[in-house]
Amino acid sequence: MKNLVEVCCGSYADAVEAFKNNADRVELNSALHAGGLTPSLASLLLTKMHTNIKVITMIRPRGAGFIYSDEDFEVMKIDTKIMLENGADGIAFGCLDENGKINIEQCREIIKIVKYYDKEVVFHRAYDFLKDPYEGMEILINLGVDRVLTSGLQAKAYEGIELIRDLQARYGDKIEILAGGGVNASNAREIVEFTGINQVHSSCKSYVTDFTTIGDYISYSCLEAPHERDYDIVDGELVKALVECVK
């Protein structure tokens, strides 16, 4: 089975860079410094117009966690329809409840919309906040989720490879397991071979400095030192190295 590379992109420019360096798929976001939010419609339209890469769009209306109010959720449903009607190949999302479990009703509503358009359903790393990953995976399978992005409940996928391997062994014939979180060319091959999965997710990140980020009295910094004057981008050389590593 072919190994796949998905690149986490924060912009249209990022998606083009991933495409030019032979990534198989992108997860299109905005505001990666906030964990990834719903992208602009323009970034999706331009990506579909100027590349032929598969595009999974994030549906996440705000930063912080994954417990969504009724108002948040109304935005998510409409954003899901807008993205799918404008060429998204799938949707990445995740809804939890106040007990830190999967919000089955909210997830069911989003999945129903995605399946109506016959597109892919991806449950993102909200999964890594579950206390029982096995119960959670079984719920997602029963709901009709196609793929789960996970770091094995650890900060980085390499640290969670034991769980990722077990999830793949138990459920890999029912749902796709996508390893993400700290994945790069130095560890991707080992993660793939140890766990038995065939796809990895990486930001392939580097930084560009914008000297107007911090003024004498005002700061629009969104990253921690030493990158407080920077914004992050997809680095084509890192994409290329990752693709070469896992293929």
Protein backbone atom coordinates (compact mmCIF):
# COMPACT_ATOMS: atom_id res chain seq x y z
CA MET A 1 0.00 0.00 0.00
CA LYS A 2 1.30 3.42 -0.96
CA ASN A 3 2.48 5.68 1.87
CA LEU A 4 0.85 9.13 1.90
CA VAL A 5 1.99 12.52 3.11
CA GLU A 6 -0.52 15.12 4.26
CA VAL A 7 0.76 18.64 4.90
CA CYS A 8 -0.92 20.93 7.40
CA CYS A 9 -1.26 24.28 5.63
CA GLY A 10 -2.21 27.68 7.00
CA SER A 11 -2.73 29.44 3.68
CA TYR A 12 -3.12 29.12 -0.06
CA ALA A 13 0.62 29.81 -0.41
CA ASP A 14 1.33 26.89 1.93
CA ALA A 15 -0.89 24.60 -0.14
CA VAL A 16 0.92 25.55 -3.34
CA GLU A 17 4.26 24.78 -1.68
CA ALA A 18 2.99 21.38 -0.55
CA PHE A 19 1.67 20.64 -4.03
CA LYS A 20 4.90 21.65 -5.77
CA ASN A 21 6.87 19.27 -3.55
CA ASN A 22 4.67 16.22 -4.16
CA ALA A 23 2.56 16.00 -1.01
CA ASP A 24 -0.48 13.78 -1.52
CA ARG A 25 -2.98 15.84 0.43
CA VAL A 26 -3.29 19.06 2.40
CA GLU A 27 -5.28 19.96 5.46
CA LEU A 28 -6.17 23.60 4.77
CA ASN A 29 -6.49 25.90 7.78
CA SER A 30 -6.06 29.45 8.91
CA ALA A 31 -4.35 30.55 12.13
CA LEU A 32 -2.10 27.56 12.71
CA HIS A 33 -0.69 29.40 15.74
CA ALA A 34 -4.13 28.84 17.33
CA GLY A 35 -4.10 25.15 16.46
CA GLY A 36 -5.73 25.63 13.06
CA LEU A 37 -9.05 27.34 12.32
CA THR A 38 -11.47 27.27 9.40
CA PRO A 39 -9.71 28.62 6.29
CA SER A 40 -10.99 31.46 4.16
CA LEU A 41 -13.09 30.54 1.16
CA ALA A 42 -10.59 32.36 -1.07
CA SER A 43 -7.75 30.11 0.08
CA LEU A 44 -9.80 27.02 -0.80
CA LEU A 45 -10.91 28.39 -4.18
CA LEU A 46 -7.38 29.38 -5.18
CA THR A 47 -5.93 26.06 -4.05
CA LYS A 48 -8.48 24.15 -6.13
CA MET A 49 -7.98 26.50 -9.06
CA HIS A 50 -4.19 26.27 -9.22
CA THR A 51 -3.39 22.77 -7.94
CA ASN A 52 -4.88 19.30 -8.26
CA ILE A 53 -4.00 18.22 -4.73
CA LYS A 54 -6.65 16.74 -2.46
CA VAL A 55 -7.85 19.35 0.05
CA ILE A 56 -9.29 18.59 3.48
CA THR A 57 -10.56 21.79 5.06
CA MET A 58 -10.53 22.39 8.78
CA ILE A 59 -13.85 23.31 10.39
CA ARG A 60 -13.02 24.99 13.70
CA PRO A 61 -14.59 28.34 14.55
CA ARG A 62 -12.28 29.39 17.38
CA GLY A 63 -9.12 28.49 19.26
CA ALA A 64 -8.78 26.73 22.63
CA GLY A 65 -10.68 23.45 23.04
CA PHE A 66 -13.45 21.56 21.33
CA ILE A 67 -16.63 22.13 23.37
CA TYR A 68 -18.86 24.15 21.09
CA SER A 69 -21.84 26.31 21.98
CA ASP A 70 -24.99 26.27 19.87
CA GLU A 71 -23.78 29.45 18.18
CA ASP A 72 -20.35 27.95 17.45
CA PHE A 73 -21.98 24.87 16.03
CA GLU A 74 -24.30 26.78 13.72
CA VAL A 75 -21.22 28.43 12.24
CA MET A 76 -19.53 25.04 11.85
CA LYS A 77 -22.46 23.54 9.95
CA ILE A 78 -22.69 26.44 7.53
CA ASP A 79 -18.92 26.54 7.04
CA THR A 80 -18.98 22.80 6.30
CA LYS A 81 -21.56 23.28 3.55
CA ILE A 82 -19.71 26.29 2.10
CA MET A 83 -16.41 24.42 1.90
CA LEU A 84 -17.94 21.30 0.36
CA GLU A 85 -19.93 23.28 -2.17
CA ASN A 86 -16.72 25.00 -3.25
CA GLY A 87 -14.54 22.01 -3.89
CA ALA A 88 -13.27 20.70 -0.55
CA ASP A 89 -12.55 16.97 -0.78
CA GLY A 90 -13.29 16.46 2.87
CA ILE A 91 -13.72 18.04 6.28
CA ALA A 92 -11.59 17.80 9.42
CA PHE A 93 -13.39 18.56 12.66
CA GLY A 94 -13.87 17.36 16.22
CA CYS A 95 -16.58 17.98 18.81
CA LEU A 96 -16.26 17.01 22.47
CA ASP A 97 -18.64 17.39 25.39
CA GLU A 98 -18.22 18.75 28.92
CA ASN A 99 -17.02 15.33 30.10
CA GLY A 100 -14.23 15.22 27.55
CA LYS A 101 -15.98 12.59 25.47
CA ILE A 102 -17.07 12.70 21.85
CA ASN A 103 -20.16 14.84 21.36
CA ILE A 104 -22.06 12.24 19.40
CA GLU A 105 -24.99 14.42 18.39
CA GLN A 106 -22.86 17.28 17.06
CA CYS A 107 -20.55 14.87 15.26
CA ARG A 108 -23.49 13.05 13.71
CA GLU A 109 -24.84 16.32 12.27
CA ILE A 110 -21.53 17.30 10.68
CA ILE A 111 -20.99 13.80 9.31
CA LYS A 112 -24.46 13.78 7.78
CA ILE A 113 -23.64 16.97 5.88
CA VAL A 114 -20.30 15.65 4.64
CA LYS A 115 -21.75 12.32 3.55
CA TYR A 116 -24.53 14.12 1.66
CA TYR A 117 -21.79 15.60 -0.52
CA ASP A 118 -20.04 12.19 -0.69
CA LYS A 119 -16.81 13.59 0.77
CA GLU A 120 -14.32 12.42 3.41
CA VAL A 121 -14.87 12.79 7.15
CA VAL A 122 -11.77 13.32 9.30
CA PHE A 123 -11.80 13.57 13.09
CA HIS A 124 -8.83 15.72 14.08
CA ARG A 125 -6.66 15.75 17.19
CA ALA A 126 -9.55 16.48 19.50
CA TYR A 127 -9.28 12.69 19.63
CA ASP A 128 -6.08 13.03 21.65
CA PHE A 129 -8.02 14.58 24.53
CA LEU A 130 -10.15 11.46 25.07
CA LYS A 131 -9.59 9.44 28.23
CA ASP A 132 -10.59 6.19 26.51
CA PRO A 133 -9.15 6.07 22.99
CA TYR A 134 -10.64 2.66 22.27
CA GLU A 135 -14.18 3.65 23.17
CA GLY A 136 -13.70 6.84 21.17
CA MET A 137 -12.45 5.02 18.08
CA GLU A 138 -15.38 2.63 18.17
CA ILE A 139 -17.81 5.54 18.40
CA LEU A 140 -16.17 7.27 15.44
CA ILE A 141 -16.27 4.09 13.38
CA ASN A 142 -19.97 3.64 14.14
CA LEU A 143 -20.62 7.27 13.20
CA GLY A 144 -19.02 6.76 9.79
CA VAL A 145 -15.77 8.70 10.21
CA ASP A 146 -13.27 7.84 7.47
CA ARG A 147 -10.03 8.89 9.15
CA VAL A 148 -8.67 9.91 12.56
CA LEU A 149 -5.68 12.20 13.03
CA THR A 150 -3.84 11.33 16.22
CA SER A 151 -0.55 11.62 18.05
CA GLY A 152 -1.45 8.63 20.18
CA LEU A 153 -2.70 10.89 23.00
CA GLN A 154 0.82 12.26 23.47
CA ALA A 155 2.28 15.65 22.58
CA LYS A 156 4.04 14.10 19.58
CA ALA A 157 3.24 11.06 17.47
CA TYR A 158 6.66 9.52 18.07
CA GLU A 159 5.89 9.47 21.80
CA GLY A 160 2.51 7.85 21.10
CA ILE A 161 3.61 5.17 18.66
CA GLU A 162 2.68 2.27 20.95
CA LEU A 163 -0.95 3.38 21.04
CA ILE A 164 -0.98 4.25 17.34
CA ARG A 165 0.29 0.75 16.56
CA ASP A 166 -2.40 -0.79 18.74
CA LEU A 167 -5.14 1.34 17.17
CA GLN A 168 -3.95 0.35 13.72
CA ALA A 169 -3.90 -3.33 14.65
CA ARG A 170 -7.38 -3.22 16.16
CA TYR A 171 -9.18 -0.86 13.83
CA GLY A 172 -7.07 -0.33 10.72
CA ASP A 173 -9.42 -2.42 8.59
CA LYS A 174 -12.36 -0.20 9.58
CA ILE A 175 -10.94 3.33 9.69
CA GLU A 176 -7.80 5.12 8.51
CA ILE A 177 -5.26 6.12 11.17
CA LEU A 178 -3.25 9.26 10.33
CA ALA A 179 -0.27 10.02 12.57
CA GLY A 180 0.43 13.69 13.23
CA GLY A 181 2.21 15.83 15.77
CA GLY A 182 5.96 16.39 15.52
CA VAL A 183 6.26 14.21 12.41
CA ASN A 184 9.18 15.04 10.13
CA ALA A 185 11.76 13.46 7.87
CA SER A 186 13.83 12.32 10.84
CA ASN A 187 11.14 10.10 12.36
CA ALA A 188 8.38 9.48 9.80
CA ARG A 189 9.83 6.28 8.37
CA GLU A 190 10.23 4.77 11.83
CA ILE A 191 6.67 5.78 12.79
CA VAL A 192 5.24 4.20 9.64
CA GLU A 193 7.22 0.98 9.97
CA PHE A 194 6.62 0.56 13.71
CA THR A 195 2.89 1.29 13.67
CA GLY A 196 1.85 -0.24 10.36
CA ILE A 197 0.03 2.92 9.25
CA ASN A 198 0.52 4.25 5.73
CA GLN A 199 0.00 8.00 6.14
CA VAL A 200 1.54 10.85 8.09
CA HIS A 201 0.58 14.47 8.76
CA SER A 202 3.15 17.24 9.17
CA SER A 203 3.32 21.03 9.17
CA CYS A 204 6.81 21.05 7.55
CA LYS A 205 7.19 24.42 9.21
CA SER A 206 9.66 27.23 8.90
CA TYR A 207 9.40 30.94 9.66
CA VAL A 208 9.38 34.32 7.94
CA THR A 209 10.02 37.56 9.83
CA ASP A 210 7.66 40.52 9.51
CA PHE A 211 9.30 43.50 11.24
CA THR A 212 5.96 45.30 11.64
CA THR A 213 4.76 42.61 14.07
CA ILE A 214 6.04 44.48 17.13
CA GLY A 215 6.17 48.25 17.47
CA ASP A 216 7.31 50.55 20.22
CA TYR A 217 4.04 50.23 22.12
CA ILE A 218 2.01 47.62 20.23
CA SER A 219 2.50 43.91 19.55
CA TYR A 220 0.66 41.62 17.19
CA SER A 221 2.96 38.72 17.96
CA CYS A 222 1.34 35.31 17.82
CA LEU A 223 4.36 33.07 18.32
CA GLU A 224 6.70 32.55 21.25
CA ALA A 225 10.36 33.57 21.36
CA PRO A 226 12.53 33.35 19.39
CA HIS A 227 9.82 33.71 16.71
CA GLU A 228 7.85 36.58 18.22
CA ARG A 229 8.29 38.68 15.05
CA ASP A 230 7.61 35.77 12.70
CA TYR A 231 4.80 33.91 11.03
CA ASP A 232 5.01 30.24 10.08
CA ILE A 233 4.98 28.86 6.54
CA VAL A 234 5.24 25.49 4.85
CA ASP A 235 8.84 24.90 3.81
CA GLY A 236 8.99 23.14 0.45
CA GLU A 237 12.36 21.58 1.22
CA LEU A 238 10.94 19.99 4.36
CA VAL A 239 7.96 18.66 2.40
CA LYS A 240 10.30 17.21 -0.22
CA ALA A 241 12.45 15.54 2.46
CA LEU A 242 9.41 14.06 4.19
CA VAL A 243 7.99 12.68 0.95
CA GLU A 244 11.33 11.11 0.05
CA CYS A 245 11.57 9.65 3.55
CA VAL A 246 8.26 7.77 3.54
CA LYS A 247 7.86 6.79 -0.10
